[in-house]
Amino acid sequence: MALRESFYKEIIPKLKEELKIENELRVPRPIKGIVQIGIGKMVANSPENKEKIIEDASYVLSMITGQKPKLILAKKSVAGFKLRKGMPVALLVTLRKKRLLDFIERFLTYALPRAKDFKGLTSKNFDAKGNINLGLKEVNIFPETISDKIKYSFGFEVNLVASGKTKEENLKLWEVLGFPIKK
């Protein structure tokens, strides 16, 4: 992949120069990415289709990330959400290293340009350390998910964590990687 190769050859030296960091290992880099699909509402509203919903969400998430997702179960019952202990709530994948860089590249080149009403990342999409937290309404923005097998439409969340010591370092990393950040 192009991002994986250019990250070590071009992006790290560029960040090292811009942030005035002497040691190359101190340069901020993406540590992990968490991609998840919440299925709690769908399972609560149609418990008879629970297996099909979980199967579809698992298929979609594995196609997007290239990794089998982990099923997250409810830890306790909450009557207001029609949630019972042990009910499936979400599917989650944690990406690191090569798979993370590959996902970021596909996310930036294929998915974000196809997202409806997406005009860039705002300050609301960053936490206090400069990590990205982004929720999107349609998983169909990835070309891999366009299939006749999938009956349900899912939204998904992406959390990207970087190793920078300050928010400014992490924001610079995301900017250099190519994320559209609104000023």
Protein backbone atom coordinates (compact mmCIF):
# COMPACT_ATOMS: atom_id res chain seq x y z
CA MET A 1 0.00 0.00 0.00
CA ALA A 2 1.14 3.51 -0.78
CA LEU A 3 0.48 5.03 2.67
CA ARG A 4 2.42 2.30 4.47
CA GLU A 5 5.47 2.90 2.29
CA SER A 6 5.29 6.70 2.26
CA PHE A 7 4.68 6.82 6.03
CA TYR A 8 8.22 5.68 6.84
CA LYS A 9 9.97 7.31 3.86
CA GLU A 10 8.24 10.73 3.71
CA ILE A 11 5.79 11.40 6.55
CA ILE A 12 8.05 10.59 9.53
CA PRO A 13 10.95 12.77 8.27
CA LYS A 14 8.48 15.59 7.48
CA LEU A 15 6.93 15.41 10.97
CA LYS A 16 10.39 15.20 12.55
CA GLU A 17 11.37 18.43 10.82
CA GLU A 18 8.09 20.32 11.41
CA LEU A 19 7.77 19.37 15.08
CA LYS A 20 11.53 19.83 15.70
CA ILE A 21 11.93 16.35 17.18
CA GLU A 22 15.47 14.94 17.27
CA ASN A 23 14.74 11.24 17.78
CA GLU A 24 12.81 9.51 14.99
CA LEU A 25 11.15 7.12 17.46
CA ARG A 26 9.60 10.09 19.31
CA VAL A 27 7.67 11.21 16.19
CA PRO A 28 3.89 10.72 16.67
CA ARG A 29 2.32 7.83 14.78
CA PRO A 30 -1.03 6.03 14.79
CA ILE A 31 -1.06 3.41 17.56
CA LYS A 32 -4.46 1.80 17.21
CA GLY A 33 -7.79 2.17 15.53
CA ILE A 34 -11.09 0.90 16.89
CA VAL A 35 -13.93 0.35 14.43
CA GLN A 36 -17.29 -0.64 15.86
CA ILE A 37 -20.89 -1.17 14.83
CA GLY A 38 -23.63 -0.73 17.42
CA ILE A 39 -26.38 -3.32 17.01
CA GLY A 40 -28.18 -3.03 20.36
CA LYS A 41 -31.23 -1.14 19.06
CA MET A 42 -31.69 -3.44 16.09
CA VAL A 43 -31.48 -6.58 18.25
CA ALA A 44 -33.87 -5.10 20.85
CA ASN A 45 -36.44 -4.14 18.19
CA SER A 46 -36.37 -7.47 16.33
CA PRO A 47 -35.06 -10.26 18.57
CA GLU A 48 -36.25 -12.93 16.11
CA ASN A 49 -33.67 -11.72 13.53
CA LYS A 50 -30.83 -11.44 16.06
CA GLU A 51 -28.56 -14.00 14.39
CA LYS A 52 -29.02 -12.46 10.93
CA ILE A 53 -28.27 -8.95 12.24
CA ILE A 54 -25.12 -10.15 14.01
CA GLU A 55 -24.04 -12.14 10.94
CA ASP A 56 -24.54 -9.14 8.61
CA ALA A 57 -22.74 -6.72 10.94
CA SER A 58 -19.89 -9.18 11.40
CA TYR A 59 -19.58 -9.68 7.64
CA VAL A 60 -19.57 -5.92 6.99
CA LEU A 61 -16.97 -5.19 9.67
CA SER A 62 -14.69 -8.00 8.53
CA MET A 63 -14.91 -6.74 4.92
CA ILE A 64 -14.00 -3.19 5.99
CA THR A 65 -11.15 -4.06 8.34
CA GLY A 66 -9.87 -7.43 7.13
CA GLN A 67 -10.19 -8.82 10.64
CA LYS A 68 -12.85 -10.85 12.46
CA PRO A 69 -14.85 -8.67 14.90
CA LYS A 70 -15.41 -9.33 18.58
CA LEU A 71 -19.02 -9.51 19.82
CA ILE A 72 -19.66 -7.23 22.82
CA LEU A 73 -22.45 -8.29 25.21
CA ALA A 74 -24.37 -6.10 27.67
CA LYS A 75 -22.89 -6.28 31.16
CA LYS A 76 -26.12 -5.37 32.94
CA SER A 77 -29.80 -4.86 32.21
CA VAL A 78 -31.18 -1.38 31.50
CA ALA A 79 -34.98 -1.24 31.25
CA GLY A 80 -35.07 2.16 29.55
CA PHE A 81 -33.10 0.81 26.57
CA LYS A 82 -34.92 -2.58 26.47
CA LEU A 83 -31.54 -4.10 27.24
CA ARG A 84 -31.01 -7.37 29.08
CA LYS A 85 -27.78 -8.69 30.53
CA GLY A 86 -25.98 -10.84 27.96
CA MET A 87 -27.68 -9.28 24.91
CA PRO A 88 -25.41 -8.42 21.95
CA VAL A 89 -24.71 -4.68 21.93
CA ALA A 90 -21.89 -4.10 19.43
CA LEU A 91 -19.23 -5.61 17.22
CA LEU A 92 -15.72 -4.26 17.56
CA VAL A 93 -12.36 -4.55 15.81
CA THR A 94 -9.04 -3.19 17.09
CA LEU A 95 -6.49 -2.47 14.35
CA ARG A 96 -2.78 -1.96 14.87
CA LYS A 97 0.37 -1.39 12.77
CA LYS A 98 0.08 -2.49 9.11
CA ARG A 99 -3.67 -3.15 9.15
CA LEU A 100 -4.25 0.24 10.77
CA LEU A 101 -2.29 2.09 8.08
CA ASP A 102 -4.08 0.12 5.36
CA PHE A 103 -7.45 0.97 6.93
CA ILE A 104 -6.55 4.67 7.22
CA GLU A 105 -5.57 4.74 3.56
CA ARG A 106 -8.82 3.12 2.41
CA PHE A 107 -10.81 5.32 4.80
CA LEU A 108 -9.25 8.51 3.37
CA THR A 109 -9.27 7.55 -0.31
CA TYR A 110 -12.55 5.63 -0.69
CA ALA A 111 -14.84 6.16 2.27
CA LEU A 112 -14.66 9.83 3.33
CA PRO A 113 -15.10 11.24 -0.20
CA ARG A 114 -18.28 9.13 -0.55
CA ALA A 115 -19.74 10.13 2.85
CA LYS A 116 -22.84 12.29 2.63
CA ASP A 117 -22.65 15.76 4.19
CA PHE A 118 -19.05 15.27 5.31
CA LYS A 119 -17.18 18.55 5.11
CA GLY A 120 -14.16 17.75 7.24
CA LEU A 121 -13.22 16.99 10.83
CA THR A 122 -14.09 19.70 13.34
CA SER A 123 -12.87 20.27 16.89
CA LYS A 124 -15.76 18.05 18.08
CA ASN A 125 -14.11 15.05 16.41
CA PHE A 126 -10.95 15.33 18.55
CA ASP A 127 -10.53 14.57 22.22
CA ALA A 128 -8.16 16.30 24.68
CA LYS A 129 -5.14 14.35 23.37
CA GLY A 130 -5.91 14.89 19.68
CA ASN A 131 -7.29 11.43 18.95
CA ILE A 132 -10.01 11.15 16.29
CA ASN A 133 -13.54 10.04 17.25
CA LEU A 134 -15.85 9.90 14.25
CA GLY A 135 -19.28 8.36 13.74
CA LEU A 136 -20.75 7.80 10.28
CA LYS A 137 -24.33 6.85 9.44
CA GLU A 138 -23.70 4.49 6.55
CA VAL A 139 -21.24 1.66 6.21
CA ASN A 140 -21.99 1.59 2.45
CA ILE A 141 -19.38 4.29 1.84
CA PHE A 142 -16.81 1.48 1.66
CA PRO A 143 -16.88 -0.24 -1.74
CA GLU A 144 -16.31 -3.66 -0.09
CA THR A 145 -19.69 -3.54 1.65
CA ILE A 146 -21.81 -3.21 -1.48
CA SER A 147 -23.31 -6.69 -1.63
CA ASP A 148 -26.63 -8.47 -2.01
CA LYS A 149 -25.86 -10.53 1.10
CA ILE A 150 -26.38 -7.57 3.44
CA LYS A 151 -30.03 -6.89 4.34
CA TYR A 152 -29.49 -4.31 7.09
CA SER A 153 -27.93 -0.86 7.02
CA PHE A 154 -25.44 -0.08 9.77
CA GLY A 155 -23.72 3.00 11.06
CA PHE A 156 -20.22 2.73 12.45
CA GLU A 157 -17.74 4.55 14.64
CA VAL A 158 -14.03 5.00 14.10
CA ASN A 159 -11.64 5.92 16.93
CA LEU A 160 -8.02 6.55 15.96
CA VAL A 161 -5.38 6.89 18.69
CA ALA A 162 -1.97 8.50 18.12
CA SER A 163 1.23 8.43 20.16
CA GLY A 164 1.93 12.18 20.32
CA LYS A 165 2.61 13.76 23.70
CA THR A 166 0.44 16.83 23.00
CA LYS A 167 -2.76 17.55 21.11
CA GLU A 168 -0.85 19.72 18.63
CA GLU A 169 1.52 16.86 17.73
CA ASN A 170 -1.38 14.47 17.09
CA LEU A 171 -3.30 17.07 15.07
CA LYS A 172 -0.20 17.63 12.93
CA LEU A 173 0.08 13.86 12.38
CA TRP A 174 -3.52 13.56 11.19
CA GLU A 175 -3.09 16.61 8.97
CA VAL A 176 0.07 15.21 7.34
CA LEU A 177 -1.60 11.82 6.85
CA GLY A 178 -4.31 13.58 4.82
CA PHE A 179 -7.33 13.90 7.09
CA PRO A 180 -9.52 16.87 6.07
CA ILE A 181 -9.40 19.06 9.20
CA LYS A 182 -11.48 22.24 9.33
CA LYS A 183 -9.64 25.18 10.83
